[in-house]
Amino acid sequence: MLATKKKQTIIKKNRIHETDTGSPEVQVAILSTQISELTKHLKKHKKDNHSRRGLIKMVADRRTQLKYLERKDKTRYNVLVKKMDLN
């Protein structure tokens, strides 16, 4: 779980407009941060299979969001992939 302040800073950095909290860009940024934190946790706790399942679900959700954005607006997708250093 992300702390509220950390999540708010991620939203502010990736939002499209002032009240944006649910655009694909914001969702991918939040998921990417959660994935990186959970990956660090799993390196330390190798047998935590419940968290590993959550990690796999988050990766699948992020992939789904990226596919949606690529299908709807290719330029926004390319900007996001470069910004988040994905692929």
PDB file of N, CA and C in Angstrom:
ATOM      1  N   MET A   1       0.828  -1.190   0.000  1.00  0.00           N
ATOM      2  CA  MET A   1       0.000   0.000   0.000  1.00  0.00           C
ATOM      3  C   MET A   1       0.867   1.247   0.000  1.00  0.00           C
ATOM      4  N   LEU A   2       0.446   2.207  -0.767  1.00  0.00           N
ATOM      5  CA  LEU A   2       1.152   3.480  -0.816  1.00  0.00           C
ATOM      6  C   LEU A   2       0.589   4.417   0.240  1.00  0.00           C
ATOM      7  N   ALA A   3       1.457   5.200   0.820  1.00  0.00           N
ATOM      8  CA  ALA A   3       1.007   6.225   1.757  1.00  0.00           C
ATOM      9  C   ALA A   3       0.241   7.289   0.971  1.00  0.00           C
ATOM     10  N   THR A   4      -0.680   7.940   1.636  1.00  0.00           N
ATOM     11  CA  THR A   4      -1.539   8.912   0.969  1.00  0.00           C
ATOM     12  C   THR A   4      -0.736  10.053   0.350  1.00  0.00           C
ATOM     13  N   LYS A   5       0.245  10.559   1.074  1.00  0.00           N
ATOM     14  CA  LYS A   5       1.039  11.680   0.545  1.00  0.00           C
ATOM     15  C   LYS A   5       1.836  11.260  -0.683  1.00  0.00           C
ATOM     16  N   LYS A   6       2.393  10.058  -0.647  1.00  0.00           N
ATOM     17  CA  LYS A   6       3.159   9.569  -1.789  1.00  0.00           C
ATOM     18  C   LYS A   6       2.258   9.389  -3.006  1.00  0.00           C
ATOM     19  N   LYS A   7       1.057   8.871  -2.766  1.00  0.00           N
ATOM     20  CA  LYS A   7       0.100   8.676  -3.852  1.00  0.00           C
ATOM     21  C   LYS A   7      -0.320  10.020  -4.445  1.00  0.00           C
ATOM     22  N   GLN A   8      -0.525  11.025  -3.594  1.00  0.00           N
ATOM     23  CA  GLN A   8      -0.914  12.343  -4.076  1.00  0.00           C
ATOM     24  C   GLN A   8       0.186  12.978  -4.924  1.00  0.00           C
ATOM     25  N   THR A   9       1.441  12.778  -4.545  1.00  0.00           N
ATOM     26  CA  THR A   9       2.530  13.335  -5.349  1.00  0.00           C
ATOM     27  C   THR A   9       2.625  12.641  -6.709  1.00  0.00           C
ATOM     28  N   ILE A  10       2.374  11.344  -6.734  1.00  0.00           N
ATOM     29  CA  ILE A  10       2.369  10.610  -8.005  1.00  0.00           C
ATOM     30  C   ILE A  10       1.252  11.132  -8.899  1.00  0.00           C
ATOM     31  N   ILE A  11       0.088  11.363  -8.314  1.00  0.00           N
ATOM     32  CA  ILE A  11      -1.049  11.870  -9.081  1.00  0.00           C
ATOM     33  C   ILE A  11      -0.734  13.257  -9.626  1.00  0.00           C
ATOM     34  N   LYS A  12      -0.143  14.121  -8.804  1.00  0.00           N
ATOM     35  CA  LYS A  12       0.177  15.478  -9.258  1.00  0.00           C
ATOM     36  C   LYS A  12       1.186  15.468 -10.400  1.00  0.00           C
ATOM     37  N   LYS A  13       2.137  14.554 -10.380  1.00  0.00           N
ATOM     38  CA  LYS A  13       3.155  14.500 -11.422  1.00  0.00           C
ATOM     39  C   LYS A  13       2.606  13.962 -12.741  1.00  0.00           C
ATOM     40  N   ASN A  14       1.567  13.143 -12.707  1.00  0.00           N
ATOM     41  CA  ASN A  14       1.122  12.446 -13.912  1.00  0.00           C
ATOM     42  C   ASN A  14      -0.270  12.821 -14.391  1.00  0.00           C
ATOM     43  N   ARG A  15      -0.921  13.731 -13.737  1.00  0.00           N
ATOM     44  CA  ARG A  15      -2.288  14.064 -14.141  1.00  0.00           C
ATOM     45  C   ARG A  15      -2.323  14.892 -15.412  1.00  0.00           C
ATOM     46  N   ILE A  16      -3.439  14.821 -16.102  1.00  0.00           N
ATOM     47  CA  ILE A  16      -3.624  15.536 -17.356  1.00  0.00           C
ATOM     48  C   ILE A  16      -4.199  16.932 -17.082  1.00  0.00           C
ATOM     49  N   HIS A  17      -5.167  16.996 -16.181  1.00  0.00           N
ATOM     50  CA  HIS A  17      -5.769  18.277 -15.810  1.00  0.00           C
ATOM     51  C   HIS A  17      -5.852  18.358 -14.293  1.00  0.00           C
ATOM     52  N   GLU A  18      -6.344  19.452 -13.792  1.00  0.00           N
ATOM     53  CA  GLU A  18      -6.294  19.754 -12.356  1.00  0.00           C
ATOM     54  C   GLU A  18      -7.013  18.733 -11.473  1.00  0.00           C
ATOM     55  N   THR A  19      -8.140  18.205 -11.918  1.00  0.00           N
ATOM     56  CA  THR A  19      -8.921  17.281 -11.087  1.00  0.00           C
ATOM     57  C   THR A  19      -8.777  15.829 -11.519  1.00  0.00           C
ATOM     58  N   ASP A  20      -7.759  15.536 -12.293  1.00  0.00           N
ATOM     59  CA  ASP A  20      -7.560  14.188 -12.826  1.00  0.00           C
ATOM     60  C   ASP A  20      -7.010  13.247 -11.756  1.00  0.00           C
ATOM     61  N   THR A  21      -7.735  12.159 -11.497  1.00  0.00           N
ATOM     62  CA  THR A  21      -7.241  11.132 -10.574  1.00  0.00           C
ATOM     63  C   THR A  21      -7.371   9.731 -11.148  1.00  0.00           C
ATOM     64  N   GLY A  22      -7.998   9.585 -12.310  1.00  0.00           N
ATOM     65  CA  GLY A  22      -8.266   8.247 -12.814  1.00  0.00           C
ATOM     66  C   GLY A  22      -7.877   7.999 -14.253  1.00  0.00           C
ATOM     67  N   SER A  23      -7.117   8.896 -14.843  1.00  0.00           N
ATOM     68  CA  SER A  23      -6.712   8.674 -16.231  1.00  0.00           C
ATOM     69  C   SER A  23      -5.745   7.495 -16.299  1.00  0.00           C
ATOM     70  N   PRO A  24      -5.603   6.884 -17.458  1.00  0.00           N
ATOM     71  CA  PRO A  24      -4.677   5.753 -17.576  1.00  0.00           C
ATOM     72  C   PRO A  24      -3.251   6.108 -17.168  1.00  0.00           C
ATOM     73  N   GLU A  25      -2.828   7.339 -17.446  1.00  0.00           N
ATOM     74  CA  GLU A  25      -1.478   7.754 -17.077  1.00  0.00           C
ATOM     75  C   GLU A  25      -1.276   7.701 -15.569  1.00  0.00           C
ATOM     76  N   VAL A  26      -2.264   8.202 -14.832  1.00  0.00           N
ATOM     77  CA  VAL A  26      -2.186   8.206 -13.367  1.00  0.00           C
ATOM     78  C   VAL A  26      -2.237   6.777 -12.834  1.00  0.00           C
ATOM     79  N   GLN A  27      -3.123   5.973 -13.385  1.00  0.00           N
ATOM     80  CA  GLN A  27      -3.251   4.601 -12.905  1.00  0.00           C
ATOM     81  C   GLN A  27      -1.986   3.795 -13.159  1.00  0.00           C
ATOM     82  N   VAL A  28      -1.374   3.973 -14.320  1.00  0.00           N
ATOM     83  CA  VAL A  28      -0.140   3.259 -14.626  1.00  0.00           C
ATOM     84  C   VAL A  28       0.982   3.713 -13.696  1.00  0.00           C
ATOM     85  N   ALA A  29       1.045   5.001 -13.411  1.00  0.00           N
ATOM     86  CA  ALA A  29       2.086   5.518 -12.516  1.00  0.00           C
ATOM     87  C   ALA A  29       1.923   4.955 -11.105  1.00  0.00           C
ATOM     88  N   ILE A  30       0.702   4.900 -10.612  1.00  0.00           N
ATOM     89  CA  ILE A  30       0.453   4.352  -9.271  1.00  0.00           C
ATOM     90  C   ILE A  30       0.784   2.866  -9.246  1.00  0.00           C
ATOM     91  N   LEU A  31       0.332   2.135 -10.255  1.00  0.00           N
ATOM     92  CA  LEU A  31       0.621   0.703 -10.310  1.00  0.00           C
ATOM     93  C   LEU A  31       2.124   0.442 -10.411  1.00  0.00           C
ATOM     94  N   SER A  32       2.830   1.247 -11.182  1.00  0.00           N
ATOM     95  CA  SER A  32       4.273   1.053 -11.323  1.00  0.00           C
ATOM     96  C   SER A  32       4.986   1.262  -9.991  1.00  0.00           C
ATOM     97  N   THR A  33       4.559   2.252  -9.234  1.00  0.00           N
ATOM     98  CA  THR A  33       5.158   2.494  -7.925  1.00  0.00           C
ATOM     99  C   THR A  33       4.867   1.347  -6.972  1.00  0.00           C
ATOM    100  N   GLN A  34       3.622   0.876  -6.976  1.00  0.00           N
ATOM    101  CA  GLN A  34       3.261  -0.249  -6.119  1.00  0.00           C
ATOM    102  C   GLN A  34       4.042  -1.505  -6.514  1.00  0.00           C
ATOM    103  N   ILE A  35       4.205  -1.720  -7.806  1.00  0.00           N
ATOM    104  CA  ILE A  35       4.940  -2.891  -8.283  1.00  0.00           C
ATOM    105  C   ILE A  35       6.384  -2.832  -7.816  1.00  0.00           C
ATOM    106  N   SER A  36       6.998  -1.677  -7.920  1.00  0.00           N
ATOM    107  CA  SER A  36       8.407  -1.579  -7.497  1.00  0.00           C
ATOM    108  C   SER A  36       8.556  -1.796  -5.996  1.00  0.00           C
ATOM    109  N   GLU A  37       7.628  -1.275  -5.199  1.00  0.00           N
ATOM    110  CA  GLU A  37       7.699  -1.485  -3.749  1.00  0.00           C
ATOM    111  C   GLU A  37       7.467  -2.947  -3.387  1.00  0.00           C
ATOM    112  N   LEU A  38       6.522  -3.570  -4.062  1.00  0.00           N
ATOM    113  CA  LEU A  38       6.236  -4.974  -3.774  1.00  0.00           C
ATOM    114  C   LEU A  38       7.367  -5.884  -4.238  1.00  0.00           C
ATOM    115  N   THR A  39       8.032  -5.500  -5.302  1.00  0.00           N
ATOM    116  CA  THR A  39       9.186  -6.269  -5.770  1.00  0.00           C
ATOM    117  C   THR A  39      10.301  -6.246  -4.734  1.00  0.00           C
ATOM    118  N   LYS A  40      10.545  -5.080  -4.136  1.00  0.00           N
ATOM    119  CA  LYS A  40      11.543  -4.980  -3.071  1.00  0.00           C
ATOM    120  C   LYS A  40      11.168  -5.868  -1.893  1.00  0.00           C
ATOM    121  N   HIS A  41       9.892  -5.876  -1.538  1.00  0.00           N
ATOM    122  CA  HIS A  41       9.411  -6.706  -0.434  1.00  0.00           C
ATOM    123  C   HIS A  41       9.632  -8.187  -0.728  1.00  0.00           C
ATOM    124  N   LEU A  42       9.337  -8.590  -1.961  1.00  0.00           N
ATOM    125  CA  LEU A  42       9.451 -10.005  -2.316  1.00  0.00           C
ATOM    126  C   LEU A  42      10.897 -10.470  -2.422  1.00  0.00           C
ATOM    127  N   LYS A  43      11.825  -9.561  -2.669  1.00  0.00           N
ATOM    128  CA  LYS A  43      13.233  -9.946  -2.662  1.00  0.00           C
ATOM    129  C   LYS A  43      13.685 -10.317  -1.254  1.00  0.00           C
ATOM    130  N   LYS A  44      13.095  -9.657  -0.273  1.00  0.00           N
ATOM    131  CA  LYS A  44      13.437  -9.932   1.121  1.00  0.00           C
ATOM    132  C   LYS A  44      12.665 -11.142   1.657  1.00  0.00           C
ATOM    133  N   HIS A  45      11.395 -11.237   1.288  1.00  0.00           N
ATOM    134  CA  HIS A  45      10.516 -12.305   1.777  1.00  0.00           C
ATOM    135  C   HIS A  45      10.155 -13.222   0.615  1.00  0.00           C
ATOM    136  N   LYS A  46      11.018 -14.154   0.317  1.00  0.00           N
ATOM    137  CA  LYS A  46      10.891 -14.983  -0.879  1.00  0.00           C
ATOM    138  C   LYS A  46       9.690 -15.933  -0.854  1.00  0.00           C
ATOM    139  N   LYS A  47       9.225 -16.298   0.318  1.00  0.00           N
ATOM    140  CA  LYS A  47       8.141 -17.275   0.410  1.00  0.00           C
ATOM    141  C   LYS A  47       6.761 -16.642   0.585  1.00  0.00           C
ATOM    142  N   ASP A  48       6.647 -15.349   0.412  1.00  0.00           N
ATOM    143  CA  ASP A  48       5.371 -14.648   0.569  1.00  0.00           C
ATOM    144  C   ASP A  48       4.553 -14.794  -0.713  1.00  0.00           C
ATOM    145  N   ASN A  49       3.880 -15.927  -0.843  1.00  0.00           N
ATOM    146  CA  ASN A  49       3.158 -16.224  -2.075  1.00  0.00           C
ATOM    147  C   ASN A  49       1.889 -15.400  -2.240  1.00  0.00           C
ATOM    148  N   HIS A  50       1.282 -14.962  -1.152  1.00  0.00           N
ATOM    149  CA  HIS A  50       0.078 -14.139  -1.255  1.00  0.00           C
ATOM    150  C   HIS A  50       0.411 -12.777  -1.878  1.00  0.00           C
ATOM    151  N   SER A  51       1.511 -12.191  -1.458  1.00  0.00           N
ATOM    152  CA  SER A  51       1.938 -10.925  -2.046  1.00  0.00           C
ATOM    153  C   SER A  51       2.393 -11.122  -3.481  1.00  0.00           C
ATOM    154  N   ARG A  52       2.992 -12.254  -3.782  1.00  0.00           N
ATOM    155  CA  ARG A  52       3.418 -12.539  -5.149  1.00  0.00           C
ATOM    156  C   ARG A  52       2.213 -12.587  -6.086  1.00  0.00           C
ATOM    157  N   ARG A  53       1.125 -13.155  -5.603  1.00  0.00           N
ATOM    158  CA  ARG A  53      -0.100 -13.203  -6.406  1.00  0.00           C
ATOM    159  C   ARG A  53      -0.632 -11.794  -6.665  1.00  0.00           C
ATOM    160  N   GLY A  54      -0.564 -10.942  -5.638  1.00  0.00           N
ATOM    161  CA  GLY A  54      -0.976  -9.552  -5.804  1.00  0.00           C
ATOM    162  C   GLY A  54      -0.102  -8.820  -6.805  1.00  0.00           C
ATOM    163  N   LEU A  55       1.190  -9.110  -6.777  1.00  0.00           N
ATOM    164  CA  LEU A  55       2.120  -8.497  -7.723  1.00  0.00           C
ATOM    165  C   LEU A  55       1.763  -8.890  -9.155  1.00  0.00           C
ATOM    166  N   ILE A  56       1.484 -10.146  -9.371  1.00  0.00           N
ATOM    167  CA  ILE A  56       1.115 -10.618 -10.711  1.00  0.00           C
ATOM    168  C   ILE A  56      -0.165  -9.945 -11.188  1.00  0.00           C
ATOM    169  N   LYS A  57      -1.111  -9.753 -10.283  1.00  0.00           N
ATOM    170  CA  LYS A  57      -2.364  -9.084 -10.625  1.00  0.00           C
ATOM    171  C   LYS A  57      -2.118  -7.616 -10.987  1.00  0.00           C
ATOM    172  N   MET A  58      -1.241  -6.955 -10.239  1.00  0.00           N
ATOM    173  CA  MET A  58      -0.925  -5.553 -10.535  1.00  0.00           C
ATOM    174  C   MET A  58      -0.235  -5.408 -11.887  1.00  0.00           C
ATOM    175  N   VAL A  59       0.672  -6.323 -12.196  1.00  0.00           N
ATOM    176  CA  VAL A  59       1.361  -6.278 -13.489  1.00  0.00           C
ATOM    177  C   VAL A  59       0.353  -6.473 -14.620  1.00  0.00           C
ATOM    178  N   ALA A  60      -0.584  -7.383 -14.432  1.00  0.00           N
ATOM    179  CA  ALA A  60      -1.618  -7.611 -15.447  1.00  0.00           C
ATOM    180  C   ALA A  60      -2.512  -6.381 -15.601  1.00  0.00           C
ATOM    181  N   ASP A  61      -2.866  -5.735 -14.485  1.00  0.00           N
ATOM    182  CA  ASP A  61      -3.681  -4.521 -14.551  1.00  0.00           C
ATOM    183  C   ASP A  61      -2.950  -3.399 -15.290  1.00  0.00           C
ATOM    184  N   ARG A  62      -1.660  -3.249 -15.013  1.00  0.00           N
ATOM    185  CA  ARG A  62      -0.874  -2.210 -15.682  1.00  0.00           C
ATOM    186  C   ARG A  62      -0.789  -2.499 -17.176  1.00  0.00           C
ATOM    187  N   ARG A  63      -0.590  -3.756 -17.529  1.00  0.00           N
ATOM    188  CA  ARG A  63      -0.528  -4.130 -18.943  1.00  0.00           C
ATOM    189  C   ARG A  63      -1.854  -3.822 -19.636  1.00  0.00           C
ATOM    190  N   THR A  64      -2.961  -4.092 -18.959  1.00  0.00           N
ATOM    191  CA  THR A  64      -4.283  -3.805 -19.517  1.00  0.00           C
ATOM    192  C   THR A  64      -4.467  -2.312 -19.741  1.00  0.00           C
ATOM    193  N   GLN A  65      -4.059  -1.503 -18.771  1.00  0.00           N
ATOM    194  CA  GLN A  65      -4.156  -0.050 -18.916  1.00  0.00           C
ATOM    195  C   GLN A  65      -3.306   0.451 -20.082  1.00  0.00           C
ATOM    196  N   LEU A  66      -2.110  -0.098 -20.208  1.00  0.00           N
ATOM    197  CA  LEU A  66      -1.235   0.321 -21.301  1.00  0.00           C
ATOM    198  C   LEU A  66      -1.805  -0.073 -22.661  1.00  0.00           C
ATOM    199  N   LYS A  67      -2.384  -1.255 -22.757  1.00  0.00           N
ATOM    200  CA  LYS A  67      -2.995  -1.680 -24.022  1.00  0.00           C
ATOM    201  C   LYS A  67      -4.170  -0.775 -24.382  1.00  0.00           C
ATOM    202  N   TYR A  68      -4.968  -0.411 -23.374  1.00  0.00           N
ATOM    203  CA  TYR A  68      -6.099   0.489 -23.602  1.00  0.00           C
ATOM    204  C   TYR A  68      -5.605   1.833 -24.134  1.00  0.00           C
ATOM    205  N   LEU A  69      -4.592   2.390 -23.476  1.00  0.00           N
ATOM    206  CA  LEU A  69      -4.080   3.696 -23.875  1.00  0.00           C
ATOM    207  C   LEU A  69      -3.454   3.635 -25.263  1.00  0.00           C
ATOM    208  N   GLU A  70      -2.759   2.549 -25.570  1.00  0.00           N
ATOM    209  CA  GLU A  70      -2.158   2.391 -26.887  1.00  0.00           C
ATOM    210  C   GLU A  70      -3.231   2.332 -27.968  1.00  0.00           C
ATOM    211  N   ARG A  71      -4.329   1.666 -27.661  1.00  0.00           N
ATOM    212  CA  ARG A  71      -5.429   1.539 -28.615  1.00  0.00           C
ATOM    213  C   ARG A  71      -6.156   2.874 -28.815  1.00  0.00           C
ATOM    214  N   LYS A  72      -6.335   3.647 -27.747  1.00  0.00           N
ATOM    215  CA  LYS A  72      -7.105   4.889 -27.827  1.00  0.00           C
ATOM    216  C   LYS A  72      -6.297   6.085 -28.320  1.00  0.00           C
ATOM    217  N   ASP A  73      -5.056   6.225 -27.818  1.00  0.00           N
ATOM    218  CA  ASP A  73      -4.260   7.394 -28.177  1.00  0.00           C
ATOM    219  C   ASP A  73      -2.781   7.023 -28.171  1.00  0.00           C
ATOM    220  N   LYS A  74      -2.255   6.765 -29.348  1.00  0.00           N
ATOM    221  CA  LYS A  74      -0.884   6.270 -29.489  1.00  0.00           C
ATOM    222  C   LYS A  74       0.154   7.281 -28.988  1.00  0.00           C
ATOM    223  N   THR A  75      -0.093   8.567 -29.195  1.00  0.00           N
ATOM    224  CA  THR A  75       0.897   9.562 -28.766  1.00  0.00           C
ATOM    225  C   THR A  75       0.984   9.641 -27.245  1.00  0.00           C
ATOM    226  N   ARG A  76      -0.148   9.619 -26.562  1.00  0.00           N
ATOM    227  CA  ARG A  76      -0.130   9.615 -25.098  1.00  0.00           C
ATOM    228  C   ARG A  76       0.553   8.363 -24.571  1.00  0.00           C
ATOM    229  N   TYR A  77       0.332   7.242 -25.239  1.00  0.00           N
ATOM    230  CA  TYR A  77       0.977   5.988 -24.854  1.00  0.00           C
ATOM    231  C   TYR A  77       2.493   6.100 -24.978  1.00  0.00           C
ATOM    232  N   ASN A  78       2.960   6.626 -26.096  1.00  0.00           N
ATOM    233  CA  ASN A  78       4.403   6.758 -26.305  1.00  0.00           C
ATOM    234  C   ASN A  78       5.048   7.689 -25.286  1.00  0.00           C
ATOM    235  N   VAL A  79       4.373   8.795 -24.974  1.00  0.00           N
ATOM    236  CA  VAL A  79       4.881   9.732 -23.975  1.00  0.00           C
ATOM    237  C   VAL A  79       4.957   9.058 -22.610  1.00  0.00           C
ATOM    238  N   LEU A  80       3.931   8.305 -22.260  1.00  0.00           N
ATOM    239  CA  LEU A  80       3.906   7.629 -20.950  1.00  0.00           C
ATOM    240  C   LEU A  80       4.981   6.565 -20.840  1.00  0.00           C
ATOM    241  N   VAL A  81       5.181   5.786 -21.895  1.00  0.00           N
ATOM    242  CA  VAL A  81       6.185   4.736 -21.872  1.00  0.00           C
ATOM    243  C   VAL A  81       7.587   5.335 -21.708  1.00  0.00           C
ATOM    244  N   LYS A  82       7.851   6.434 -22.390  1.00  0.00           N
ATOM    245  CA  LYS A  82       9.153   7.102 -22.249  1.00  0.00           C
ATOM    246  C   LYS A  82       9.303   7.702 -20.855  1.00  0.00           C
ATOM    247  N   LYS A  83       8.242   8.315 -20.343  1.00  0.00           N
ATOM    248  CA  LYS A  83       8.296   8.971 -19.029  1.00  0.00           C
ATOM    249  C   LYS A  83       8.497   7.958 -17.909  1.00  0.00           C
ATOM    250  N   MET A  84       7.800   6.825 -17.987  1.00  0.00           N
ATOM    251  CA  MET A  84       7.861   5.815 -16.928  1.00  0.00           C
ATOM    252  C   MET A  84       8.981   4.810 -17.165  1.00  0.00           C
ATOM    253  N   ASP A  85       9.653   4.905 -18.311  1.00  0.00           N
ATOM    254  CA  ASP A  85      10.740   4.002 -18.686  1.00  0.00           C
ATOM    255  C   ASP A  85      10.270   2.542 -18.676  1.00  0.00           C
ATOM    256  N   LEU A  86       9.148   2.294 -19.358  1.00  0.00           N
ATOM    257  CA  LEU A  86       8.579   0.952 -19.487  1.00  0.00           C
ATOM    258  C   LEU A  86       8.990   0.369 -20.831  1.00  0.00           C
ATOM    259  N   ASN A  87       8.806  -0.938 -20.950  1.00  0.00           N
ATOM    260  CA  ASN A  87       9.139  -1.707 -22.160  1.00  0.00           C
ATOM    261  C   ASN A  87      10.564  -1.920 -22.304  1.00  0.00           C
TER     262      ASN A  87
END
